[in-house]
PDB file of N, CA and C in Angstrom:
ATOM      1  N   UNK A   1     -40.467  -5.206   7.231  1.00  0.00           N
ATOM      2  CA  UNK A   1     -39.322  -6.080   7.122  1.00  0.00           C
ATOM      3  C   UNK A   1     -38.510  -5.749   5.871  1.00  0.00           C
ATOM      4  N   UNK A   2     -39.165  -5.305   4.837  1.00  0.00           N
ATOM      5  CA  UNK A   2     -38.482  -4.980   3.588  1.00  0.00           C
ATOM      6  C   UNK A   2     -37.476  -3.840   3.782  1.00  0.00           C
ATOM      7  N   UNK A   3     -37.834  -2.832   4.552  1.00  0.00           N
ATOM      8  CA  UNK A   3     -36.914  -1.710   4.765  1.00  0.00           C
ATOM      9  C   UNK A   3     -35.674  -2.157   5.539  1.00  0.00           C
ATOM     10  N   UNK A   4     -35.847  -3.091   6.454  1.00  0.00           N
ATOM     11  CA  UNK A   4     -34.701  -3.635   7.187  1.00  0.00           C
ATOM     12  C   UNK A   4     -33.747  -4.355   6.231  1.00  0.00           C
ATOM     13  N   UNK A   5     -34.305  -5.158   5.346  1.00  0.00           N
ATOM     14  CA  UNK A   5     -33.480  -5.877   4.363  1.00  0.00           C
ATOM     15  C   UNK A   5     -32.788  -4.904   3.422  1.00  0.00           C
ATOM     16  N   UNK A   6     -33.499  -3.851   3.042  1.00  0.00           N
ATOM     17  CA  UNK A   6     -32.900  -2.838   2.170  1.00  0.00           C
ATOM     18  C   UNK A   6     -31.722  -2.156   2.864  1.00  0.00           C
ATOM     19  N   UNK A   7     -31.900  -1.826   4.141  1.00  0.00           N
ATOM     20  CA  UNK A   7     -30.804  -1.213   4.904  1.00  0.00           C
ATOM     21  C   UNK A   7     -29.629  -2.161   5.021  1.00  0.00           C
ATOM     22  N   UNK A   8     -29.922  -3.411   5.288  1.00  0.00           N
ATOM     23  CA  UNK A   8     -28.868  -4.422   5.423  1.00  0.00           C
ATOM     24  C   UNK A   8     -28.067  -4.531   4.131  1.00  0.00           C
ATOM     25  N   UNK A   9     -28.762  -4.607   3.004  1.00  0.00           N
ATOM     26  CA  UNK A   9     -28.083  -4.700   1.715  1.00  0.00           C
ATOM     27  C   UNK A   9     -27.275  -3.440   1.427  1.00  0.00           C
ATOM     28  N   UNK A  10     -27.804  -2.311   1.814  1.00  0.00           N
ATOM     29  CA  UNK A  10     -27.105  -1.049   1.617  1.00  0.00           C
ATOM     30  C   UNK A  10     -25.790  -1.027   2.416  1.00  0.00           C
ATOM     31  N   UNK A  11     -25.840  -1.471   3.667  1.00  0.00           N
ATOM     32  CA  UNK A  11     -24.631  -1.529   4.489  1.00  0.00           C
ATOM     33  C   UNK A  11     -23.624  -2.525   3.922  1.00  0.00           C
ATOM     34  N   UNK A  12     -24.117  -3.644   3.424  1.00  0.00           N
ATOM     35  CA  UNK A  12     -23.220  -4.645   2.829  1.00  0.00           C
ATOM     36  C   UNK A  12     -22.526  -4.090   1.590  1.00  0.00           C
ATOM     37  N   UNK A  13     -23.262  -3.353   0.765  1.00  0.00           N
ATOM     38  CA  UNK A  13     -22.666  -2.747  -0.424  1.00  0.00           C
ATOM     39  C   UNK A  13     -21.622  -1.704  -0.047  1.00  0.00           C
ATOM     40  N   UNK A  14     -21.936  -0.895   0.971  1.00  0.00           N
ATOM     41  CA  UNK A  14     -20.979   0.121   1.414  1.00  0.00           C
ATOM     42  C   UNK A  14     -19.723  -0.535   1.961  1.00  0.00           C
ATOM     43  N   UNK A  15     -19.885  -1.587   2.745  1.00  0.00           N
ATOM     44  CA  UNK A  15     -18.731  -2.299   3.296  1.00  0.00           C
ATOM     45  C   UNK A  15     -17.858  -2.857   2.168  1.00  0.00           C
ATOM     46  N   UNK A  16     -18.482  -3.486   1.183  1.00  0.00           N
ATOM     47  CA  UNK A  16     -17.736  -4.053   0.051  1.00  0.00           C
ATOM     48  C   UNK A  16     -17.011  -2.952  -0.714  1.00  0.00           C
ATOM     49  N   UNK A  17     -17.682  -1.821  -0.908  1.00  0.00           N
ATOM     50  CA  UNK A  17     -17.067  -0.692  -1.606  1.00  0.00           C
ATOM     51  C   UNK A  17     -15.876  -0.156  -0.814  1.00  0.00           C
ATOM     52  N   UNK A  18     -16.041  -0.001   0.489  1.00  0.00           N
ATOM     53  CA  UNK A  18     -14.961   0.504   1.340  1.00  0.00           C
ATOM     54  C   UNK A  18     -13.759  -0.440   1.332  1.00  0.00           C
ATOM     55  N   UNK A  19     -14.023  -1.744   1.354  1.00  0.00           N
ATOM     56  CA  UNK A  19     -12.932  -2.721   1.322  1.00  0.00           C
ATOM     57  C   UNK A  19     -12.191  -2.663  -0.017  1.00  0.00           C
ATOM     58  N   UNK A  20     -12.926  -2.546  -1.089  1.00  0.00           N
ATOM     59  CA  UNK A  20     -12.308  -2.455  -2.411  1.00  0.00           C
ATOM     60  C   UNK A  20     -11.466  -1.184  -2.525  1.00  0.00           C
ATOM     61  N   UNK A  21     -11.991  -0.083  -2.026  1.00  0.00           N
ATOM     62  CA  UNK A  21     -11.260   1.173  -2.054  1.00  0.00           C
ATOM     63  C   UNK A  21      -9.979   1.075  -1.230  1.00  0.00           C
ATOM     64  N   UNK A  22     -10.045   0.471  -0.052  1.00  0.00           N
ATOM     65  CA  UNK A  22      -8.865   0.315   0.792  1.00  0.00           C
ATOM     66  C   UNK A  22      -7.808  -0.541   0.091  1.00  0.00           C
ATOM     67  N   UNK A  23      -8.240  -1.580  -0.601  1.00  0.00           N
ATOM     68  CA  UNK A  23      -7.317  -2.427  -1.351  1.00  0.00           C
ATOM     69  C   UNK A  23      -6.606  -1.606  -2.433  1.00  0.00           C
ATOM     70  N   UNK A  24      -7.364  -0.804  -3.162  1.00  0.00           N
ATOM     71  CA  UNK A  24      -6.784   0.018  -4.225  1.00  0.00           C
ATOM     72  C   UNK A  24      -5.808   1.045  -3.662  1.00  0.00           C
ATOM     73  N   UNK A  25      -6.169   1.667  -2.537  1.00  0.00           N
ATOM     74  CA  UNK A  25      -5.289   2.653  -1.905  1.00  0.00           C
ATOM     75  C   UNK A  25      -3.990   1.993  -1.460  1.00  0.00           C
ATOM     76  N   UNK A  26      -4.092   0.818  -0.850  1.00  0.00           N
ATOM     77  CA  UNK A  26      -2.890   0.104  -0.401  1.00  0.00           C
ATOM     78  C   UNK A  26      -1.991  -0.273  -1.574  1.00  0.00           C
ATOM     79  N   UNK A  27      -2.587  -0.753  -2.643  1.00  0.00           N
ATOM     80  CA  UNK A  27      -1.804  -1.126  -3.819  1.00  0.00           C
ATOM     81  C   UNK A  27      -1.110   0.100  -4.419  1.00  0.00           C
ATOM     82  N   UNK A  28      -1.818   1.219  -4.471  1.00  0.00           N
ATOM     83  CA  UNK A  28      -1.220   2.446  -5.011  1.00  0.00           C
ATOM     84  C   UNK A  28      -0.102   2.942  -4.098  1.00  0.00           C
ATOM     85  N   UNK A  29      -0.323   2.875  -2.782  1.00  0.00           N
ATOM     86  CA  UNK A  29       0.727   3.274  -1.840  1.00  0.00           C
ATOM     87  C   UNK A  29       1.967   2.402  -2.026  1.00  0.00           C
ATOM     88  N   UNK A  30       1.752   1.106  -2.199  1.00  0.00           N
ATOM     89  CA  UNK A  30       2.874   0.195  -2.394  1.00  0.00           C
ATOM     90  C   UNK A  30       3.621   0.500  -3.685  1.00  0.00           C
ATOM     91  N   UNK A  31       2.895   0.915  -4.703  1.00  0.00           N
ATOM     92  CA  UNK A  31       3.537   1.326  -5.962  1.00  0.00           C
ATOM     93  C   UNK A  31       4.426   2.534  -5.706  1.00  0.00           C
ATOM     94  N   UNK A  32       3.894   3.518  -5.004  1.00  0.00           N
ATOM     95  CA  UNK A  32       4.675   4.711  -4.688  1.00  0.00           C
ATOM     96  C   UNK A  32       5.899   4.369  -3.832  1.00  0.00           C
ATOM     97  N   UNK A  33       5.715   3.461  -2.879  1.00  0.00           N
ATOM     98  CA  UNK A  33       6.851   3.031  -2.053  1.00  0.00           C
ATOM     99  C   UNK A  33       7.920   2.366  -2.916  1.00  0.00           C
ATOM    100  N   UNK A  34       7.488   1.517  -3.834  1.00  0.00           N
ATOM    101  CA  UNK A  34       8.427   0.857  -4.735  1.00  0.00           C
ATOM    102  C   UNK A  34       9.207   1.850  -5.577  1.00  0.00           C
ATOM    103  N   UNK A  35       8.524   2.889  -6.038  1.00  0.00           N
ATOM    104  CA  UNK A  35       9.195   3.935  -6.818  1.00  0.00           C
ATOM    105  C   UNK A  35      10.223   4.670  -5.959  1.00  0.00           C
ATOM    106  N   UNK A  36       9.845   4.996  -4.736  1.00  0.00           N
ATOM    107  CA  UNK A  36      10.719   5.716  -3.814  1.00  0.00           C
ATOM    108  C   UNK A  36      11.981   4.900  -3.519  1.00  0.00           C
ATOM    109  N   UNK A  37      11.802   3.629  -3.177  1.00  0.00           N
ATOM    110  CA  UNK A  37      12.944   2.763  -2.859  1.00  0.00           C
ATOM    111  C   UNK A  37      13.809   2.559  -4.098  1.00  0.00           C
ATOM    112  N   UNK A  38      13.187   2.386  -5.253  1.00  0.00           N
ATOM    113  CA  UNK A  38      13.937   2.194  -6.491  1.00  0.00           C
ATOM    114  C   UNK A  38      14.874   3.357  -6.773  1.00  0.00           C
ATOM    115  N   UNK A  39      14.391   4.567  -6.523  1.00  0.00           N
ATOM    116  CA  UNK A  39      15.245   5.749  -6.721  1.00  0.00           C
ATOM    117  C   UNK A  39      16.424   5.726  -5.746  1.00  0.00           C
ATOM    118  N   UNK A  40      16.141   5.341  -4.502  1.00  0.00           N
ATOM    119  CA  UNK A  40      17.213   5.294  -3.499  1.00  0.00           C
ATOM    120  C   UNK A  40      18.262   4.242  -3.852  1.00  0.00           C
ATOM    121  N   UNK A  41      17.831   3.162  -4.494  1.00  0.00           N
ATOM    122  CA  UNK A  41      18.737   2.071  -4.843  1.00  0.00           C
ATOM    123  C   UNK A  41      19.275   2.193  -6.274  1.00  0.00           C
ATOM    124  N   UNK A  42      18.966   3.315  -6.919  1.00  0.00           N
ATOM    125  CA  UNK A  42      19.444   3.600  -8.280  1.00  0.00           C
ATOM    126  C   UNK A  42      19.113   2.491  -9.282  1.00  0.00           C
ATOM    127  N   UNK A  43      17.880   2.001  -9.229  1.00  0.00           N
ATOM    128  CA  UNK A  43      17.442   0.965 -10.162  1.00  0.00           C
ATOM    129  C   UNK A  43      17.162   1.587 -11.521  1.00  0.00           C
ATOM    130  N   UNK A  44      17.410   0.817 -12.575  1.00  0.00           N
ATOM    131  CA  UNK A  44      17.013   1.274 -13.898  1.00  0.00           C
ATOM    132  C   UNK A  44      15.511   1.023 -14.064  1.00  0.00           C
ATOM    133  N   UNK A  45      14.978   1.378 -15.214  1.00  0.00           N
ATOM    134  CA  UNK A  45      13.533   1.290 -15.452  1.00  0.00           C
ATOM    135  C   UNK A  45      12.985  -0.124 -15.277  1.00  0.00           C
ATOM    136  N   UNK A  46      13.669  -1.107 -15.839  1.00  0.00           N
ATOM    137  CA  UNK A  46      13.197  -2.496 -15.725  1.00  0.00           C
ATOM    138  C   UNK A  46      13.275  -2.996 -14.291  1.00  0.00           C
ATOM    139  N   UNK A  47      14.365  -2.676 -13.612  1.00  0.00           N
ATOM    140  CA  UNK A  47      14.518  -3.092 -12.215  1.00  0.00           C
ATOM    141  C   UNK A  47      13.448  -2.435 -11.345  1.00  0.00           C
ATOM    142  N   UNK A  48      13.143  -1.175 -11.656  1.00  0.00           N
ATOM    143  CA  UNK A  48      12.121  -0.458 -10.904  1.00  0.00           C
ATOM    144  C   UNK A  48      10.762  -1.137 -11.046  1.00  0.00           C
ATOM    145  N   UNK A  49      10.384  -1.484 -12.266  1.00  0.00           N
ATOM    146  CA  UNK A  49       9.097  -2.143 -12.498  1.00  0.00           C
ATOM    147  C   UNK A  49       9.023  -3.466 -11.733  1.00  0.00           C
ATOM    148  N   UNK A  50      10.099  -4.225 -11.800  1.00  0.00           N
ATOM    149  CA  UNK A  50      10.151  -5.510 -11.101  1.00  0.00           C
ATOM    150  C   UNK A  50      10.079  -5.313  -9.582  1.00  0.00           C
ATOM    151  N   UNK A  51      10.773  -4.306  -9.105  1.00  0.00           N
ATOM    152  CA  UNK A  51      10.766  -4.046  -7.659  1.00  0.00           C
ATOM    153  C   UNK A  51       9.383  -3.604  -7.182  1.00  0.00           C
ATOM    154  N   UNK A  52       8.739  -2.744  -7.940  1.00  0.00           N
ATOM    155  CA  UNK A  52       7.382  -2.293  -7.580  1.00  0.00           C
ATOM    156  C   UNK A  52       6.455  -3.494  -7.454  1.00  0.00           C
ATOM    157  N   UNK A  53       6.534  -4.418  -8.393  1.00  0.00           N
ATOM    158  CA  UNK A  53       5.701  -5.619  -8.325  1.00  0.00           C
ATOM    159  C   UNK A  53       6.020  -6.446  -7.087  1.00  0.00           C
ATOM    160  N   UNK A  54       7.292  -6.503  -6.716  1.00  0.00           N
ATOM    161  CA  UNK A  54       7.665  -7.289  -5.533  1.00  0.00           C
ATOM    162  C   UNK A  54       7.115  -6.655  -4.254  1.00  0.00           C
ATOM    163  N   UNK A  55       7.050  -5.326  -4.208  1.00  0.00           N
ATOM    164  CA  UNK A  55       6.482  -4.642  -3.042  1.00  0.00           C
ATOM    165  C   UNK A  55       4.979  -4.894  -2.974  1.00  0.00           C
ATOM    166  N   UNK A  56       4.312  -4.794  -4.108  1.00  0.00           N
ATOM    167  CA  UNK A  56       2.866  -5.042  -4.146  1.00  0.00           C
ATOM    168  C   UNK A  56       2.570  -6.474  -3.717  1.00  0.00           C
ATOM    169  N   UNK A  57       3.357  -7.425  -4.211  1.00  0.00           N
ATOM    170  CA  UNK A  57       3.152  -8.833  -3.849  1.00  0.00           C
ATOM    171  C   UNK A  57       3.457  -9.082  -2.371  1.00  0.00           C
ATOM    172  N   UNK A  58       4.408  -8.363  -1.822  1.00  0.00           N
ATOM    173  CA  UNK A  58       4.768  -8.538  -0.407  1.00  0.00           C
ATOM    174  C   UNK A  58       3.578  -8.244   0.502  1.00  0.00           C
ATOM    175  N   UNK A  59       2.691  -7.378   0.051  1.00  0.00           N
ATOM    176  CA  UNK A  59       1.539  -6.996   0.871  1.00  0.00           C
ATOM    177  C   UNK A  59       0.551  -8.141   1.046  1.00  0.00           C
ATOM    178  N   UNK A  60       0.661  -9.191   0.249  1.00  0.00           N
ATOM    179  CA  UNK A  60      -0.249 -10.329   0.360  1.00  0.00           C
ATOM    180  C   UNK A  60       0.229 -11.375   1.365  1.00  0.00           C
ATOM    181  N   UNK A  61       1.400 -11.171   1.954  1.00  0.00           N
ATOM    182  CA  UNK A  61       1.957 -12.162   2.883  1.00  0.00           C
ATOM    183  C   UNK A  61       1.133 -12.279   4.164  1.00  0.00           C
ATOM    184  N   UNK A  62       0.643 -11.145   4.660  1.00  0.00           N
ATOM    185  CA  UNK A  62      -0.163 -11.147   5.883  1.00  0.00           C
ATOM    186  C   UNK A  62      -1.024  -9.897   5.919  1.00  0.00           C
ATOM    187  N   UNK A  63      -1.982  -9.881   6.792  1.00  0.00           N
ATOM    188  CA  UNK A  63      -2.855  -8.722   6.923  1.00  0.00           C
ATOM    189  C   UNK A  63      -2.061  -7.555   7.514  1.00  0.00           C
ATOM    190  N   UNK A  64      -2.412  -6.357   7.118  1.00  0.00           N
ATOM    191  CA  UNK A  64      -1.744  -5.178   7.640  1.00  0.00           C
ATOM    192  C   UNK A  64      -0.541  -4.771   6.799  1.00  0.00           C
ATOM    193  N   UNK A  65       0.186  -3.798   7.308  1.00  0.00           N
ATOM    194  CA  UNK A  65       1.301  -3.221   6.572  1.00  0.00           C
ATOM    195  C   UNK A  65       2.660  -3.753   7.000  1.00  0.00           C
ATOM    196  N   UNK A  66       2.694  -4.584   8.016  1.00  0.00           N
ATOM    197  CA  UNK A  66       3.964  -5.037   8.569  1.00  0.00           C
ATOM    198  C   UNK A  66       4.799  -5.811   7.551  1.00  0.00           C
ATOM    199  N   UNK A  67       4.151  -6.575   6.673  1.00  0.00           N
ATOM    200  CA  UNK A  67       4.885  -7.344   5.669  1.00  0.00           C
ATOM    201  C   UNK A  67       5.621  -6.431   4.688  1.00  0.00           C
ATOM    202  N   UNK A  68       4.964  -5.363   4.270  1.00  0.00           N
ATOM    203  CA  UNK A  68       5.585  -4.401   3.362  1.00  0.00           C
ATOM    204  C   UNK A  68       6.707  -3.656   4.091  1.00  0.00           C
ATOM    205  N   UNK A  69       6.435  -3.267   5.318  1.00  0.00           N
ATOM    206  CA  UNK A  69       7.439  -2.565   6.117  1.00  0.00           C
ATOM    207  C   UNK A  69       8.716  -3.401   6.237  1.00  0.00           C
ATOM    208  N   UNK A  70       8.567  -4.687   6.588  1.00  0.00           N
ATOM    209  CA  UNK A  70       9.732  -5.563   6.751  1.00  0.00           C
ATOM    210  C   UNK A  70      10.523  -5.702   5.456  1.00  0.00           C
ATOM    211  N   UNK A  71       9.817  -5.860   4.337  1.00  0.00           N
ATOM    212  CA  UNK A  71      10.495  -6.010   3.048  1.00  0.00           C
ATOM    213  C   UNK A  71      11.328  -4.778   2.739  1.00  0.00           C
ATOM    214  N   UNK A  72      10.707  -3.623   2.845  1.00  0.00           N
ATOM    215  CA  UNK A  72      11.409  -2.385   2.489  1.00  0.00           C
ATOM    216  C   UNK A  72      12.541  -2.115   3.477  1.00  0.00           C
ATOM    217  N   UNK A  73      12.291  -2.348   4.744  1.00  0.00           N
ATOM    218  CA  UNK A  73      13.334  -2.150   5.755  1.00  0.00           C
ATOM    219  C   UNK A  73      14.550  -3.015   5.435  1.00  0.00           C
ATOM    220  N   UNK A  74      14.302  -4.262   5.077  1.00  0.00           N
ATOM    221  CA  UNK A  74      15.384  -5.173   4.722  1.00  0.00           C
ATOM    222  C   UNK A  74      16.110  -4.708   3.461  1.00  0.00           C
ATOM    223  N   UNK A  75      15.353  -4.252   2.467  1.00  0.00           N
ATOM    224  CA  UNK A  75      15.952  -3.805   1.208  1.00  0.00           C
ATOM    225  C   UNK A  75      16.773  -2.520   1.376  1.00  0.00           C
ATOM    226  N   UNK A  76      16.439  -1.733   2.389  1.00  0.00           N
ATOM    227  CA  UNK A  76      17.143  -0.461   2.604  1.00  0.00           C
ATOM    228  C   UNK A  76      18.171  -0.521   3.738  1.00  0.00           C
ATOM    229  N   UNK A  77      18.555  -1.717   4.154  1.00  0.00           N
ATOM    230  CA  UNK A  77      19.535  -1.846   5.245  1.00  0.00           C
ATOM    231  C   UNK A  77      20.769  -0.995   5.004  1.00  0.00           C
ATOM    232  N   UNK A  78      21.307  -1.050   3.811  1.00  0.00           N
ATOM    233  CA  UNK A  78      22.543  -0.333   3.497  1.00  0.00           C
ATOM    234  C   UNK A  78      22.359   1.185   3.496  1.00  0.00           C
ATOM    235  N   UNK A  79      21.130   1.649   3.406  1.00  0.00           N
ATOM    236  CA  UNK A  79      20.853   3.092   3.358  1.00  0.00           C
ATOM    237  C   UNK A  79      20.588   3.688   4.742  1.00  0.00           C
ATOM    238  N   UNK A  80      20.564   2.842   5.771  1.00  0.00           N
ATOM    239  CA  UNK A  80      20.359   3.300   7.151  1.00  0.00           C
ATOM    240  C   UNK A  80      19.093   4.143   7.325  1.00  0.00           C
ATOM    241  N   UNK A  81      18.006   3.692   6.752  1.00  0.00           N
ATOM    242  CA  UNK A  81      16.716   4.367   6.910  1.00  0.00           C
ATOM    243  C   UNK A  81      16.114   3.897   8.232  1.00  0.00           C
ATOM    244  N   UNK A  82      15.750   4.843   9.085  1.00  0.00           N
ATOM    245  CA  UNK A  82      15.186   4.496  10.395  1.00  0.00           C
ATOM    246  C   UNK A  82      13.758   3.987  10.250  1.00  0.00           C
ATOM    247  N   UNK A  83      13.322   3.239  11.256  1.00  0.00           N
ATOM    248  CA  UNK A  83      11.935   2.757  11.269  1.00  0.00           C
ATOM    249  C   UNK A  83      10.972   3.939  11.220  1.00  0.00           C
ATOM    250  N   UNK A  84      11.291   4.978  11.980  1.00  0.00           N
ATOM    251  CA  UNK A  84      10.429   6.157  12.039  1.00  0.00           C
ATOM    252  C   UNK A  84      10.326   6.830  10.666  1.00  0.00           C
ATOM    253  N   UNK A  85      11.458   6.971   9.989  1.00  0.00           N
ATOM    254  CA  UNK A  85      11.458   7.597   8.666  1.00  0.00           C
ATOM    255  C   UNK A  85      10.656   6.768   7.672  1.00  0.00           C
ATOM    256  N   UNK A  86      10.813   5.451   7.735  1.00  0.00           N
ATOM    257  CA  UNK A  86      10.085   4.570   6.820  1.00  0.00           C
ATOM    258  C   UNK A  86       8.583   4.623   7.097  1.00  0.00           C
ATOM    259  N   UNK A  87       8.195   4.567   8.356  1.00  0.00           N
ATOM    260  CA  UNK A  87       6.759   4.641   8.698  1.00  0.00           C
ATOM    261  C   UNK A  87       6.170   5.988   8.275  1.00  0.00           C
ATOM    262  N   UNK A  88       6.934   7.050   8.468  1.00  0.00           N
ATOM    263  CA  UNK A  88       6.471   8.375   8.067  1.00  0.00           C
ATOM    264  C   UNK A  88       6.257   8.422   6.555  1.00  0.00           C
ATOM    265  N   UNK A  89       7.192   7.849   5.798  1.00  0.00           N
ATOM    266  CA  UNK A  89       7.068   7.827   4.339  1.00  0.00           C
ATOM    267  C   UNK A  89       5.870   6.977   3.916  1.00  0.00           C
ATOM    268  N   UNK A  90       5.655   5.842   4.597  1.00  0.00           N
ATOM    269  CA  UNK A  90       4.499   5.003   4.284  1.00  0.00           C
ATOM    270  C   UNK A  90       3.202   5.769   4.523  1.00  0.00           C
ATOM    271  N   UNK A  91       3.123   6.498   5.625  1.00  0.00           N
ATOM    272  CA  UNK A  91       1.924   7.295   5.922  1.00  0.00           C
ATOM    273  C   UNK A  91       1.722   8.395   4.884  1.00  0.00           C
ATOM    274  N   UNK A  92       2.811   9.064   4.540  1.00  0.00           N
ATOM    275  CA  UNK A  92       2.756  10.138   3.554  1.00  0.00           C
ATOM    276  C   UNK A  92       2.260   9.618   2.204  1.00  0.00           C
ATOM    277  N   UNK A  93       2.803   8.487   1.773  1.00  0.00           N
ATOM    278  CA  UNK A  93       2.404   7.934   0.481  1.00  0.00           C
ATOM    279  C   UNK A  93       1.007   7.325   0.529  1.00  0.00           C
ATOM    280  N   UNK A  94       0.574   6.882   1.707  1.00  0.00           N
ATOM    281  CA  UNK A  94      -0.802   6.401   1.859  1.00  0.00           C
ATOM    282  C   UNK A  94      -1.780   7.558   1.664  1.00  0.00           C
ATOM    283  N   UNK A  95      -1.454   8.711   2.222  1.00  0.00           N
ATOM    284  CA  UNK A  95      -2.311   9.886   2.049  1.00  0.00           C
ATOM    285  C   UNK A  95      -2.340  10.314   0.586  1.00  0.00           C
ATOM    286  N   UNK A  96      -1.186  10.268  -0.074  1.00  0.00           N
ATOM    287  CA  UNK A  96      -1.132  10.606  -1.501  1.00  0.00           C
ATOM    288  C   UNK A  96      -2.013   9.640  -2.295  1.00  0.00           C
ATOM    289  N   UNK A  97      -1.941   8.353  -1.980  1.00  0.00           N
ATOM    290  CA  UNK A  97      -2.750   7.353  -2.679  1.00  0.00           C
ATOM    291  C   UNK A  97      -4.242   7.600  -2.444  1.00  0.00           C
ATOM    292  N   UNK A  98      -4.614   7.981  -1.237  1.00  0.00           N
ATOM    293  CA  UNK A  98      -6.025   8.265  -0.947  1.00  0.00           C
ATOM    294  C   UNK A  98      -6.543   9.402  -1.824  1.00  0.00           C
ATOM    295  N   UNK A  99      -5.714  10.434  -1.998  1.00  0.00           N
ATOM    296  CA  UNK A  99      -6.155  11.574  -2.812  1.00  0.00           C
ATOM    297  C   UNK A  99      -6.320  11.176  -4.271  1.00  0.00           C
ATOM    298  N   UNK A 100      -5.610  10.149  -4.712  1.00  0.00           N
ATOM    299  CA  UNK A 100      -5.760   9.676  -6.088  1.00  0.00           C
ATOM    300  C   UNK A 100      -7.160   9.120  -6.356  1.00  0.00           C
ATOM    301  N   UNK A 101      -7.828   8.661  -5.306  1.00  0.00           N
ATOM    302  CA  UNK A 101      -9.144   8.043  -5.472  1.00  0.00           C
ATOM    303  C   UNK A 101     -10.289   8.933  -5.005  1.00  0.00           C
ATOM    304  N   UNK A 102     -10.002  10.158  -4.642  1.00  0.00           N
ATOM    305  CA  UNK A 102     -11.072  11.093  -4.215  1.00  0.00           C
ATOM    306  C   UNK A 102     -11.420  12.047  -5.306  1.00  0.00           C
TER     307      UNK A 102
END
């Protein structure tokens, strides 16, 4: 019975670690997205920092990436960025964020 409990605890630790890593990757991706949008909107340094924080906070509205997508899509209305282009950029920056933690 002890080995079963040990395996169970091991799986629980791995799950917790994986969840923490995913949270960090998402936050880093959101930072990169904020930087990208800030450049497109010609924000100064202070505006960029504030905008990055707003993107990171937007991710807490609901589970998944849709909340961040909607925020950025709305913020880039005047730039005519397509949904496909935005999703592609989100995927690209997610991969970049993953490499930061490997």
